[in-house]
Amino acid sequence: MRIKELRDSKGWTQVECAEYLGFHPSYIARVELGGKNVTLATIDKIAAGFGISLEELFKGL
């Protein structure tokens, strides 16, 4: 949910987000829906792509 929230705050579609972060759009969709387990390295890459720390990514969860 947090990734979708961040993506929406940027005004990105899933396709735009995936392109910016370097992932396939279906991967982003599965992550947002909780259907994909992600590694810490991937989570770090996502946080960096949004310009936030891991702490900020998990804030409020």
PDB file of N, CA and C in Angstrom:
ATOM      1  N   MET A   1       0.828  -1.197   0.000  1.00  0.00           N
ATOM      2  CA  MET A   1       0.000   0.000   0.000  1.00  0.00           C
ATOM      3  C   MET A   1       0.869   1.256   0.000  1.00  0.00           C
ATOM      4  N   ARG A   2       1.969   1.198   0.720  1.00  0.00           N
ATOM      5  CA  ARG A   2       2.826   2.390   0.831  1.00  0.00           C
ATOM      6  C   ARG A   2       3.410   2.775  -0.526  1.00  0.00           C
ATOM      7  N   ILE A   3       3.787   1.781  -1.307  1.00  0.00           N
ATOM      8  CA  ILE A   3       4.358   2.078  -2.619  1.00  0.00           C
ATOM      9  C   ILE A   3       3.308   2.716  -3.514  1.00  0.00           C
ATOM     10  N   LYS A   4       2.084   2.226  -3.464  1.00  0.00           N
ATOM     11  CA  LYS A   4       1.009   2.834  -4.244  1.00  0.00           C
ATOM     12  C   LYS A   4       0.775   4.276  -3.794  1.00  0.00           C
ATOM     13  N   GLU A   5       0.799   4.482  -2.492  1.00  0.00           N
ATOM     14  CA  GLU A   5       0.618   5.833  -1.944  1.00  0.00           C
ATOM     15  C   GLU A   5       1.709   6.775  -2.464  1.00  0.00           C
ATOM     16  N   LEU A   6       2.943   6.327  -2.437  1.00  0.00           N
ATOM     17  CA  LEU A   6       4.056   7.145  -2.922  1.00  0.00           C
ATOM     18  C   LEU A   6       3.940   7.387  -4.429  1.00  0.00           C
ATOM     19  N   ARG A   7       3.579   6.340  -5.152  1.00  0.00           N
ATOM     20  CA  ARG A   7       3.415   6.458  -6.602  1.00  0.00           C
ATOM     21  C   ARG A   7       2.324   7.462  -6.932  1.00  0.00           C
ATOM     22  N   ASP A   8       1.212   7.364  -6.241  1.00  0.00           N
ATOM     23  CA  ASP A   8       0.103   8.302  -6.466  1.00  0.00           C
ATOM     24  C   ASP A   8       0.506   9.738  -6.134  1.00  0.00           C
ATOM     25  N   SER A   9       1.315   9.900  -5.085  1.00  0.00           N
ATOM     26  CA  SER A   9       1.735  11.253  -4.706  1.00  0.00           C
ATOM     27  C   SER A   9       2.616  11.895  -5.780  1.00  0.00           C
ATOM     28  N   LYS A  10       3.292  11.059  -6.563  1.00  0.00           N
ATOM     29  CA  LYS A  10       4.115  11.555  -7.671  1.00  0.00           C
ATOM     30  C   LYS A  10       3.286  11.752  -8.945  1.00  0.00           C
ATOM     31  N   GLY A  11       2.050  11.218  -8.939  1.00  0.00           N
ATOM     32  CA  GLY A  11       1.207  11.308 -10.125  1.00  0.00           C
ATOM     33  C   GLY A  11       1.596  10.326 -11.209  1.00  0.00           C
ATOM     34  N   TRP A  12       2.309   9.249 -10.819  1.00  0.00           N
ATOM     35  CA  TRP A  12       2.778   8.254 -11.771  1.00  0.00           C
ATOM     36  C   TRP A  12       1.769   7.136 -11.958  1.00  0.00           C
ATOM     37  N   THR A  13       1.669   6.638 -13.162  1.00  0.00           N
ATOM     38  CA  THR A  13       0.958   5.388 -13.405  1.00  0.00           C
ATOM     39  C   THR A  13       1.897   4.260 -12.994  1.00  0.00           C
ATOM     40  N   GLN A  14       1.386   3.044 -12.937  1.00  0.00           N
ATOM     41  CA  GLN A  14       2.257   1.906 -12.630  1.00  0.00           C
ATOM     42  C   GLN A  14       3.336   1.757 -13.687  1.00  0.00           C
ATOM     43  N   VAL A  15       2.998   2.020 -14.938  1.00  0.00           N
ATOM     44  CA  VAL A  15       3.969   1.918 -16.024  1.00  0.00           C
ATOM     45  C   VAL A  15       5.068   2.964 -15.855  1.00  0.00           C
ATOM     46  N   GLU A  16       4.693   4.190 -15.564  1.00  0.00           N
ATOM     47  CA  GLU A  16       5.683   5.254 -15.359  1.00  0.00           C
ATOM     48  C   GLU A  16       6.577   4.946 -14.161  1.00  0.00           C
ATOM     49  N   CYS A  17       5.975   4.477 -13.096  1.00  0.00           N
ATOM     50  CA  CYS A  17       6.725   4.132 -11.892  1.00  0.00           C
ATOM     51  C   CYS A  17       7.725   3.017 -12.201  1.00  0.00           C
ATOM     52  N   ALA A  18       7.259   1.988 -12.866  1.00  0.00           N
ATOM     53  CA  ALA A  18       8.125   0.863 -13.214  1.00  0.00           C
ATOM     54  C   ALA A  18       9.292   1.307 -14.079  1.00  0.00           C
ATOM     55  N   GLU A  19       9.019   2.136 -15.060  1.00  0.00           N
ATOM     56  CA  GLU A  19      10.086   2.621 -15.931  1.00  0.00           C
ATOM     57  C   GLU A  19      11.096   3.441 -15.142  1.00  0.00           C
ATOM     58  N   TYR A  20      10.618   4.298 -14.275  1.00  0.00           N
ATOM     59  CA  TYR A  20      11.499   5.158 -13.489  1.00  0.00           C
ATOM     60  C   TYR A  20      12.361   4.339 -12.529  1.00  0.00           C
ATOM     61  N   LEU A  21      11.745   3.331 -11.899  1.00  0.00           N
ATOM     62  CA  LEU A  21      12.455   2.527 -10.913  1.00  0.00           C
ATOM     63  C   LEU A  21      13.243   1.381 -11.526  1.00  0.00           C
ATOM     64  N   GLY A  22      12.992   1.077 -12.799  1.00  0.00           N
ATOM     65  CA  GLY A  22      13.725   0.008 -13.469  1.00  0.00           C
ATOM     66  C   GLY A  22      13.145  -1.379 -13.285  1.00  0.00           C
ATOM     67  N   PHE A  23      11.831  -1.446 -13.131  1.00  0.00           N
ATOM     68  CA  PHE A  23      11.142  -2.730 -12.979  1.00  0.00           C
ATOM     69  C   PHE A  23      10.120  -2.897 -14.093  1.00  0.00           C
ATOM     70  N   HIS A  24       9.604  -4.101 -14.236  1.00  0.00           N
ATOM     71  CA  HIS A  24       8.520  -4.361 -15.181  1.00  0.00           C
ATOM     72  C   HIS A  24       7.218  -3.895 -14.532  1.00  0.00           C
ATOM     73  N   PRO A  25       6.301  -3.312 -15.322  1.00  0.00           N
ATOM     74  CA  PRO A  25       5.031  -2.832 -14.749  1.00  0.00           C
ATOM     75  C   PRO A  25       4.259  -3.899 -13.978  1.00  0.00           C
ATOM     76  N   SER A  26       4.275  -5.129 -14.439  1.00  0.00           N
ATOM     77  CA  SER A  26       3.534  -6.176 -13.726  1.00  0.00           C
ATOM     78  C   SER A  26       4.163  -6.460 -12.364  1.00  0.00           C
ATOM     79  N   TYR A  27       5.459  -6.248 -12.248  1.00  0.00           N
ATOM     80  CA  TYR A  27       6.130  -6.438 -10.968  1.00  0.00           C
ATOM     81  C   TYR A  27       5.644  -5.396  -9.965  1.00  0.00           C
ATOM     82  N   ILE A  28       5.578  -4.153 -10.403  1.00  0.00           N
ATOM     83  CA  ILE A  28       5.085  -3.083  -9.524  1.00  0.00           C
ATOM     84  C   ILE A  28       3.647  -3.381  -9.102  1.00  0.00           C
ATOM     85  N   ALA A  29       2.836  -3.831 -10.031  1.00  0.00           N
ATOM     86  CA  ALA A  29       1.436  -4.153  -9.714  1.00  0.00           C
ATOM     87  C   ALA A  29       1.365  -5.248  -8.660  1.00  0.00           C
ATOM     88  N   ARG A  30       2.172  -6.294  -8.807  1.00  0.00           N
ATOM     89  CA  ARG A  30       2.158  -7.391  -7.837  1.00  0.00           C
ATOM     90  C   ARG A  30       2.667  -6.939  -6.472  1.00  0.00           C
ATOM     91  N   VAL A  31       3.668  -6.082  -6.455  1.00  0.00           N
ATOM     92  CA  VAL A  31       4.180  -5.560  -5.183  1.00  0.00           C
ATOM     93  C   VAL A  31       3.092  -4.751  -4.485  1.00  0.00           C
ATOM     94  N   GLU A  32       2.430  -3.878  -5.230  1.00  0.00           N
ATOM     95  CA  GLU A  32       1.374  -3.046  -4.647  1.00  0.00           C
ATOM     96  C   GLU A  32       0.228  -3.878  -4.092  1.00  0.00           C
ATOM     97  N   LEU A  33      -0.076  -4.985  -4.739  1.00  0.00           N
ATOM     98  CA  LEU A  33      -1.174  -5.841  -4.293  1.00  0.00           C
ATOM     99  C   LEU A  33      -0.753  -6.834  -3.215  1.00  0.00           C
ATOM    100  N   GLY A  34       0.544  -6.828  -2.874  1.00  0.00           N
ATOM    101  CA  GLY A  34       1.032  -7.740  -1.851  1.00  0.00           C
ATOM    102  C   GLY A  34       1.227  -9.147  -2.348  1.00  0.00           C
ATOM    103  N   GLY A  35       1.197  -9.341  -3.651  1.00  0.00           N
ATOM    104  CA  GLY A  35       1.337 -10.675  -4.222  1.00  0.00           C
ATOM    105  C   GLY A  35       2.760 -11.037  -4.564  1.00  0.00           C
ATOM    106  N   LYS A  36       3.699 -10.201  -4.189  1.00  0.00           N
ATOM    107  CA  LYS A  36       5.105 -10.440  -4.522  1.00  0.00           C
ATOM    108  C   LYS A  36       5.957 -10.192  -3.290  1.00  0.00           C
ATOM    109  N   ASN A  37       6.765 -11.174  -2.926  1.00  0.00           N
ATOM    110  CA  ASN A  37       7.738 -10.976  -1.859  1.00  0.00           C
ATOM    111  C   ASN A  37       8.938 -10.259  -2.464  1.00  0.00           C
ATOM    112  N   VAL A  38       9.386  -9.222  -1.817  1.00  0.00           N
ATOM    113  CA  VAL A  38      10.513  -8.455  -2.337  1.00  0.00           C
ATOM    114  C   VAL A  38      11.703  -8.571  -1.395  1.00  0.00           C
ATOM    115  N   THR A  39      12.878  -8.517  -1.963  1.00  0.00           N
ATOM    116  CA  THR A  39      14.095  -8.580  -1.165  1.00  0.00           C
ATOM    117  C   THR A  39      14.383  -7.208  -0.566  1.00  0.00           C
ATOM    118  N   LEU A  40      15.243  -7.197   0.423  1.00  0.00           N
ATOM    119  CA  LEU A  40      15.649  -5.935   1.033  1.00  0.00           C
ATOM    120  C   LEU A  40      16.346  -5.053  -0.003  1.00  0.00           C
ATOM    121  N   ALA A  41      17.114  -5.658  -0.877  1.00  0.00           N
ATOM    122  CA  ALA A  41      17.796  -4.889  -1.928  1.00  0.00           C
ATOM    123  C   ALA A  41      16.783  -4.206  -2.840  1.00  0.00           C
ATOM    124  N   THR A  42      15.695  -4.897  -3.168  1.00  0.00           N
ATOM    125  CA  THR A  42      14.652  -4.316  -4.010  1.00  0.00           C
ATOM    126  C   THR A  42      13.936  -3.200  -3.277  1.00  0.00           C
ATOM    127  N   ILE A  43      13.646  -3.411  -2.006  1.00  0.00           N
ATOM    128  CA  ILE A  43      12.990  -2.376  -1.211  1.00  0.00           C
ATOM    129  C   ILE A  43      13.875  -1.133  -1.132  1.00  0.00           C
ATOM    130  N   ASP A  44      15.169  -1.349  -0.970  1.00  0.00           N
ATOM    131  CA  ASP A  44      16.111  -0.234  -0.926  1.00  0.00           C
ATOM    132  C   ASP A  44      16.128   0.514  -2.255  1.00  0.00           C
ATOM    133  N   LYS A  45      16.082  -0.225  -3.366  1.00  0.00           N
ATOM    134  CA  LYS A  45      16.059   0.392  -4.699  1.00  0.00           C
ATOM    135  C   LYS A  45      14.781   1.210  -4.894  1.00  0.00           C
ATOM    136  N   ILE A  46      13.668   0.691  -4.430  1.00  0.00           N
ATOM    137  CA  ILE A  46      12.392   1.404  -4.540  1.00  0.00           C
ATOM    138  C   ILE A  46      12.442   2.694  -3.718  1.00  0.00           C
ATOM    139  N   ALA A  47      12.915   2.588  -2.473  1.00  0.00           N
ATOM    140  CA  ALA A  47      13.010   3.775  -1.617  1.00  0.00           C
ATOM    141  C   ALA A  47      13.909   4.825  -2.263  1.00  0.00           C
ATOM    142  N   ALA A  48      15.057   4.401  -2.764  1.00  0.00           N
ATOM    143  CA  ALA A  48      15.979   5.333  -3.420  1.00  0.00           C
ATOM    144  C   ALA A  48      15.326   5.985  -4.629  1.00  0.00           C
ATOM    145  N   GLY A  49      14.552   5.215  -5.386  1.00  0.00           N
ATOM    146  CA  GLY A  49      13.862   5.755  -6.553  1.00  0.00           C
ATOM    147  C   GLY A  49      12.861   6.837  -6.200  1.00  0.00           C
ATOM    148  N   PHE A  50      12.278   6.714  -5.032  1.00  0.00           N
ATOM    149  CA  PHE A  50      11.341   7.738  -4.558  1.00  0.00           C
ATOM    150  C   PHE A  50      12.055   8.858  -3.806  1.00  0.00           C
ATOM    151  N   GLY A  51      13.362   8.698  -3.620  1.00  0.00           N
ATOM    152  CA  GLY A  51      14.142   9.727  -2.942  1.00  0.00           C
ATOM    153  C   GLY A  51      13.918   9.770  -1.443  1.00  0.00           C
ATOM    154  N   ILE A  52      13.625   8.594  -0.858  1.00  0.00           N
ATOM    155  CA  ILE A  52      13.382   8.526   0.580  1.00  0.00           C
ATOM    156  C   ILE A  52      14.233   7.418   1.190  1.00  0.00           C
ATOM    157  N   SER A  53      14.351   7.444   2.509  1.00  0.00           N
ATOM    158  CA  SER A  53      15.092   6.400   3.220  1.00  0.00           C
ATOM    159  C   SER A  53      14.178   5.194   3.450  1.00  0.00           C
ATOM    160  N   LEU A  54      14.806   4.086   3.828  1.00  0.00           N
ATOM    161  CA  LEU A  54      14.013   2.908   4.187  1.00  0.00           C
ATOM    162  C   LEU A  54      13.096   3.223   5.370  1.00  0.00           C
ATOM    163  N   GLU A  55      13.602   4.001   6.306  1.00  0.00           N
ATOM    164  CA  GLU A  55      12.803   4.386   7.475  1.00  0.00           C
ATOM    165  C   GLU A  55      11.530   5.137   7.031  1.00  0.00           C
ATOM    166  N   GLU A  56      11.701   6.076   6.095  1.00  0.00           N
ATOM    167  CA  GLU A  56      10.549   6.835   5.590  1.00  0.00           C
ATOM    168  C   GLU A  56       9.583   5.929   4.839  1.00  0.00           C
ATOM    169  N   LEU A  57      10.129   4.956   4.115  1.00  0.00           N
ATOM    170  CA  LEU A  57       9.268   4.047   3.355  1.00  0.00           C
ATOM    171  C   LEU A  57       8.331   3.290   4.282  1.00  0.00           C
ATOM    172  N   PHE A  58       8.851   2.889   5.442  1.00  0.00           N
ATOM    173  CA  PHE A  58       8.058   2.091   6.373  1.00  0.00           C
ATOM    174  C   PHE A  58       7.344   2.910   7.440  1.00  0.00           C
ATOM    175  N   LYS A  59       7.493   4.221   7.392  1.00  0.00           N
ATOM    176  CA  LYS A  59       6.862   5.090   8.378  1.00  0.00           C
ATOM    177  C   LYS A  59       5.333   4.941   8.313  1.00  0.00           C
ATOM    178  N   GLY A  60       4.727   4.760   9.461  1.00  0.00           N
ATOM    179  CA  GLY A  60       3.271   4.674   9.538  1.00  0.00           C
ATOM    180  C   GLY A  60       2.706   3.297   9.262  1.00  0.00           C
ATOM    181  N   LEU A  61       3.569   2.319   9.065  1.00  0.00           N
ATOM    182  CA  LEU A  61       3.061   0.963   8.802  1.00  0.00           C
ATOM    183  C   LEU A  61       3.011   0.159  10.060  1.00  0.00           C
TER     184      LEU A  61
END
